[in-house]
Amino acid sequence: MELRIREMKEEDLPRVYAINRLSFTTDAWSEEAMQREFRLPYSLRFVVESGGEIVAYAFVWLIKGEAFLMTLAVAPEWRGKGVGKWFLRKIVERLKGKAEVVSLDVRKSNIPAIRLYRSLGFKVVRERLRFYSDGENALLMELQLDKIEMHAGDKGKTAEPVDR
């Protein structure tokens, strides 16, 4: 399986939105919110492709040396193959030198995502009470970019992604 990260284009939005709807329930982004990202000067937008198919996406805000991972999702059929970890690592690599810290919010109940973030060095900073629209709490996690070491050869057990 060959993966490639690239900047998102507006014509990618139908597939990105489909992945979004399959990945999130109460707090899924609207199509309008995704379209608005293309007009924000601080918004970075990425997709992962495999064989020309978009299999993951992310929106990141980069403001005054701080990056905030607004949303990231992997298509359900691509989960558990190392795609999310590879993708997040590539995003972090691209942010080095542009941001000092990467922050994100994650549902307290989303144990697989929390494990993924921790495996890459993210730490829980605090809990945000009733953060999501259904009342669930969020964990605010951060990764200090000046304190991490990138591992170029990290390959998943079933995935052998390449960056082109």
Protein backbone atom coordinates (compact mmCIF):
# COMPACT_ATOMS: atom_id res chain seq x y z
CA MET A 1 0.00 0.00 0.00
CA GLU A 2 1.44 3.34 -1.04
CA LEU A 3 0.29 6.52 0.67
CA ARG A 4 0.91 10.09 -0.32
CA ILE A 5 0.13 13.32 1.53
CA ARG A 6 -0.77 16.46 -0.37
CA GLU A 7 -2.56 19.76 0.10
CA MET A 8 -6.32 19.50 -0.08
CA LYS A 9 -8.10 21.08 -3.06
CA GLU A 10 -11.68 22.33 -3.07
CA GLU A 11 -12.62 19.56 -5.49
CA ASP A 12 -11.62 17.06 -2.76
CA LEU A 13 -14.42 18.26 -0.49
CA PRO A 14 -17.12 15.73 -1.50
CA ARG A 15 -14.87 12.80 -0.47
CA VAL A 16 -13.54 14.66 2.59
CA TYR A 17 -17.09 15.43 3.68
CA ALA A 18 -18.09 11.78 3.20
CA ILE A 19 -15.22 10.62 5.45
CA ASN A 20 -16.23 13.30 7.97
CA ARG A 21 -19.85 12.05 8.09
CA LEU A 22 -18.70 8.43 8.51
CA SER A 23 -16.28 9.40 11.29
CA PHE A 24 -18.18 11.86 13.47
CA THR A 25 -21.74 12.06 14.70
CA THR A 26 -22.86 15.00 16.81
CA ASP A 27 -19.88 17.20 16.01
CA ALA A 28 -19.26 16.48 12.34
CA TRP A 29 -18.24 19.51 10.31
CA SER A 30 -20.71 20.96 7.83
CA GLU A 31 -19.87 21.32 4.15
CA GLU A 32 -19.99 25.10 4.63
CA ALA A 33 -17.44 24.93 7.46
CA MET A 34 -15.07 22.94 5.26
CA GLN A 35 -15.50 25.35 2.35
CA ARG A 36 -14.79 28.28 4.70
CA GLU A 37 -11.38 26.77 5.53
CA PHE A 38 -10.19 27.63 2.02
CA ARG A 39 -10.75 31.33 2.75
CA LEU A 40 -8.90 31.38 6.08
CA PRO A 41 -5.25 32.45 5.71
CA TYR A 42 -4.19 30.41 8.76
CA SER A 43 -5.87 27.16 7.67
CA LEU A 44 -3.71 24.28 6.42
CA ARG A 45 -5.57 21.46 4.70
CA PHE A 46 -4.18 18.01 3.94
CA VAL A 47 -5.37 14.73 2.44
CA VAL A 48 -3.84 11.29 2.17
CA GLU A 49 -4.27 9.39 -1.07
CA SER A 50 -3.80 5.75 -1.95
CA GLY A 51 -4.18 4.79 -5.58
CA GLY A 52 -5.79 8.14 -6.33
CA GLU A 53 -8.44 7.67 -3.61
CA ILE A 54 -8.59 10.05 -0.63
CA VAL A 55 -8.41 7.93 2.52
CA ALA A 56 -7.83 10.59 5.21
CA TYR A 57 -7.96 14.34 5.75
CA ALA A 58 -6.97 16.98 8.29
CA PHE A 59 -7.54 20.68 8.91
CA VAL A 60 -4.89 22.51 10.96
CA TRP A 61 -4.87 26.12 12.07
CA LEU A 62 -1.44 27.76 12.29
CA ILE A 63 -1.55 31.05 14.20
CA LYS A 64 1.47 32.89 15.62
CA GLY A 65 3.67 29.85 16.13
CA GLU A 66 0.91 27.62 17.47
CA ALA A 67 -0.77 24.85 15.51
CA PHE A 68 -4.16 23.45 16.39
CA LEU A 69 -5.35 20.21 14.82
CA MET A 70 -8.96 21.14 14.19
CA THR A 71 -10.05 17.78 12.79
CA LEU A 72 -8.48 14.64 11.38
CA ALA A 73 -10.21 11.51 10.14
CA VAL A 74 -9.32 8.29 8.38
CA ALA A 75 -11.91 6.50 6.23
CA PRO A 76 -13.36 3.58 8.23
CA GLU A 77 -12.05 0.93 5.84
CA TRP A 78 -8.51 2.31 6.24
CA ARG A 79 -8.41 2.37 10.05
CA GLY A 80 -6.11 0.02 11.92
CA LYS A 81 -3.53 0.00 9.11
CA GLY A 82 -1.16 2.67 10.41
CA VAL A 83 -2.56 5.43 8.20
CA GLY A 84 -3.55 7.77 11.05
CA LYS A 85 -0.18 7.55 12.76
CA TRP A 86 1.71 8.01 9.51
CA PHE A 87 -0.49 10.97 8.55
CA LEU A 88 -0.18 12.72 11.89
CA ARG A 89 3.59 12.22 11.88
CA LYS A 90 3.78 13.80 8.39
CA ILE A 91 1.69 16.76 9.56
CA VAL A 92 3.95 17.25 12.57
CA GLU A 93 7.03 17.11 10.31
CA ARG A 94 5.54 19.85 8.13
CA LEU A 95 4.84 22.01 11.20
CA LYS A 96 8.36 21.81 12.61
CA GLY A 97 9.99 25.20 12.24
CA LYS A 98 6.59 26.89 11.83
CA ALA A 99 5.05 26.09 15.21
CA GLU A 100 6.37 25.46 18.69
CA VAL A 101 3.39 23.43 19.83
CA VAL A 102 0.59 21.38 18.28
CA SER A 103 -2.66 21.19 20.26
CA LEU A 104 -5.86 19.23 19.78
CA ASP A 105 -9.09 18.32 21.53
CA VAL A 106 -10.20 14.70 21.71
CA ARG A 107 -13.28 13.11 23.22
CA LYS A 108 -12.42 11.64 26.61
CA SER A 109 -14.07 8.38 25.50
CA ASN A 110 -12.06 8.11 22.24
CA ILE A 111 -9.44 5.73 23.60
CA PRO A 112 -7.99 4.68 20.19
CA ALA A 113 -7.35 8.34 19.27
CA ILE A 114 -5.88 9.13 22.70
CA ARG A 115 -3.51 6.15 22.35
CA LEU A 116 -2.48 7.33 18.88
CA TYR A 117 -1.74 10.86 20.10
CA ARG A 118 0.18 9.58 23.13
CA SER A 119 2.25 7.26 20.91
CA LEU A 120 3.48 10.36 19.08
CA GLY A 121 4.32 12.25 22.28
CA PHE A 122 1.15 14.28 22.89
CA LYS A 123 0.41 14.93 26.57
CA VAL A 124 -2.90 15.70 28.25
CA VAL A 125 -2.82 19.32 29.39
CA ARG A 126 -6.30 19.56 30.86
CA GLU A 127 -9.88 18.41 30.59
CA ARG A 128 -12.54 20.65 29.04
CA LEU A 129 -15.90 20.06 30.71
CA ARG A 130 -18.98 19.52 28.50
CA PHE A 131 -16.95 20.52 25.44
CA TYR A 132 -18.92 18.61 22.82
CA SER A 133 -22.51 19.30 21.82
CA ASP A 134 -23.69 16.07 23.48
CA GLY A 135 -22.10 17.14 26.79
CA GLU A 136 -19.05 14.88 26.66
CA ASN A 137 -15.77 16.22 28.02
CA ALA A 138 -12.70 16.75 25.87
CA LEU A 139 -9.06 16.27 26.68
CA LEU A 140 -6.80 19.08 25.48
CA MET A 141 -3.55 17.47 24.35
CA GLU A 142 -0.32 19.14 23.29
CA LEU A 143 2.91 18.19 21.59
CA GLN A 144 5.92 20.46 22.12
CA LEU A 145 7.69 20.39 18.74
CA ASP A 146 11.05 21.50 20.08
CA LYS A 147 11.12 18.44 22.36
CA ILE A 148 10.43 15.68 19.84
CA GLU A 149 12.65 13.57 17.68
CA MET A 150 11.24 12.43 14.35
CA HIS A 151 11.67 8.78 13.44
CA ALA A 152 11.99 8.46 9.67
CA GLY A 153 11.64 4.70 9.55
CA ASP A 154 8.41 4.24 11.51
CA LYS A 155 6.33 1.84 9.46
CA GLY A 156 3.06 0.23 10.49
CA LYS A 157 2.78 -3.54 10.62
CA THR A 158 0.60 -3.72 7.53
CA ALA A 159 1.30 -0.32 5.98
CA GLU A 160 4.46 0.77 4.26
CA PRO A 161 3.58 4.33 3.30
CA VAL A 162 5.84 6.59 1.31
CA ASP A 163 5.84 10.36 1.06
CA ARG A 164 5.99 11.59 -2.53
